[in-house]
Protein backbone atom coordinates (compact mmCIF):
# COMPACT_ATOMS: atom_id res chain seq x y z
CA MET A 1 211.13 207.96 144.27
CA TYR A 2 212.16 209.79 141.10
CA TYR A 3 215.69 210.21 142.37
CA ILE A 4 215.93 206.47 143.04
CA ILE A 5 214.81 205.83 139.47
CA SER A 6 217.51 208.17 138.18
CA ILE A 7 220.31 206.38 140.00
CA SER A 8 219.11 202.81 139.57
CA ILE A 9 218.67 202.63 135.78
CA ASN A 10 221.84 201.90 133.83
CA LYS A 11 222.93 200.34 130.57
CA ASP A 12 223.05 196.85 132.08
CA ASN A 13 219.49 196.78 133.40
CA ALA A 14 217.84 199.00 130.77
CA LYS A 15 216.91 195.92 128.76
CA TYR A 16 214.71 194.82 131.66
CA LEU A 17 213.50 198.05 133.25
CA LEU A 18 213.04 200.66 130.51
CA SER A 19 209.82 200.56 128.59
CA PRO A 20 209.55 200.48 125.52
CA TYR A 21 213.27 199.61 125.23
CA ASN A 22 212.55 196.25 126.86
CA ARG A 23 210.02 195.41 124.14
CA MET A 24 212.29 196.30 121.21
CA SER A 25 213.87 193.70 119.00
CA GLU A 26 217.68 193.56 118.83
CA ALA A 27 217.56 195.34 115.45
CA GLU A 28 215.48 198.17 116.94
CA ARG A 29 217.80 198.43 119.95
CA LYS A 30 220.75 198.96 117.62
CA LYS A 31 218.90 201.95 116.12
CA PHE A 32 218.32 203.47 119.58
CA ASP A 33 221.05 205.62 121.17
CA LEU A 34 220.83 204.20 124.67
CA ASP A 35 223.88 206.03 126.05
CA LYS A 36 222.56 209.49 125.21
CA PHE A 37 219.06 208.51 126.25
CA LEU A 38 220.27 207.40 129.69
CA ILE A 39 221.99 210.76 130.20
CA PHE A 40 218.73 212.52 129.32
CA PHE A 41 216.64 210.07 131.37
CA LYS A 42 218.77 210.38 134.51
CA ASN A 43 218.88 214.19 134.31
CA PHE A 44 215.14 214.32 133.72
CA PHE A 45 214.29 212.26 136.79
CA ARG A 46 216.80 214.05 139.03
CA GLN A 47 215.26 217.37 138.05
CA GLN A 48 211.79 215.91 138.35
CA SER A 49 212.45 214.82 141.93
CA ALA A 50 213.67 218.26 142.97
CA TYR A 51 211.18 220.42 141.07
CA THR A 52 208.06 218.48 141.97
CA PHE A 53 208.99 218.46 145.65
CA LEU A 54 209.71 222.20 145.68
CA ILE A 55 206.59 223.11 143.73
CA PHE A 56 204.42 220.97 145.99
CA VAL A 57 205.87 222.55 149.13
CA ILE A 58 205.55 226.08 147.75
CA PHE A 59 201.94 225.64 146.67
CA LYS A 60 201.04 223.92 149.93
CA TRP A 61 202.56 226.83 151.84
CA LEU A 62 200.93 229.50 149.64
CA TYR A 63 197.52 227.88 149.21
CA ASN A 64 196.32 224.55 150.58
CA ASP A 65 196.60 220.79 150.12
CA LYS A 66 194.06 220.55 147.30
CA VAL A 67 195.78 223.21 145.19
CA ALA A 68 199.21 221.73 145.88
CA ILE A 69 198.10 218.22 144.88
CA SER A 70 196.37 219.52 141.75
CA ILE A 71 199.44 221.47 140.61
CA TYR A 72 201.71 218.54 141.51
CA SER A 73 199.56 216.12 139.48
CA LEU A 74 199.44 218.46 136.51
CA LEU A 75 203.20 218.93 136.63
CA ILE A 76 203.81 215.17 136.75
CA THR A 77 201.45 214.55 133.84
CA LEU A 78 202.91 217.27 131.63
CA SER A 79 206.48 216.31 132.40
CA LEU A 80 205.86 212.66 131.51
CA ILE A 81 204.32 213.74 128.20
CA TYR A 82 207.48 215.80 127.63
CA LEU A 83 209.61 212.73 128.43
CA VAL A 84 207.79 210.62 125.85
CA ILE A 85 208.04 213.27 123.14
CA LYS A 86 211.73 213.97 123.76
CA SER A 87 212.55 210.26 123.91
CA ASN A 88 211.72 209.89 120.24
CA LYS A 89 214.82 211.84 119.22
CA PHE A 90 217.12 209.04 120.42
CA TYR A 91 216.33 206.77 117.48
CA LYS A 92 219.22 206.78 115.01
């Protein structure tokens, strides 16, 4: 799912699919460095797809389903917080 997100978002559809970019006025969009953000965004979700899968499989193998799901959920939550914080640096 995360990998599909990383390959499907581009500059042409960002106006419709990226939140909060889709809620910005034209003046605010001009202040936002969309090109650099998309590079960061795509890399983030590619890495997210690989790391979360590997971590889930490793913890499921080492422990059990409950531990694996808990660690997976924590990782997803923390990484999305990271995404929001890092996204703020793309305002010019």
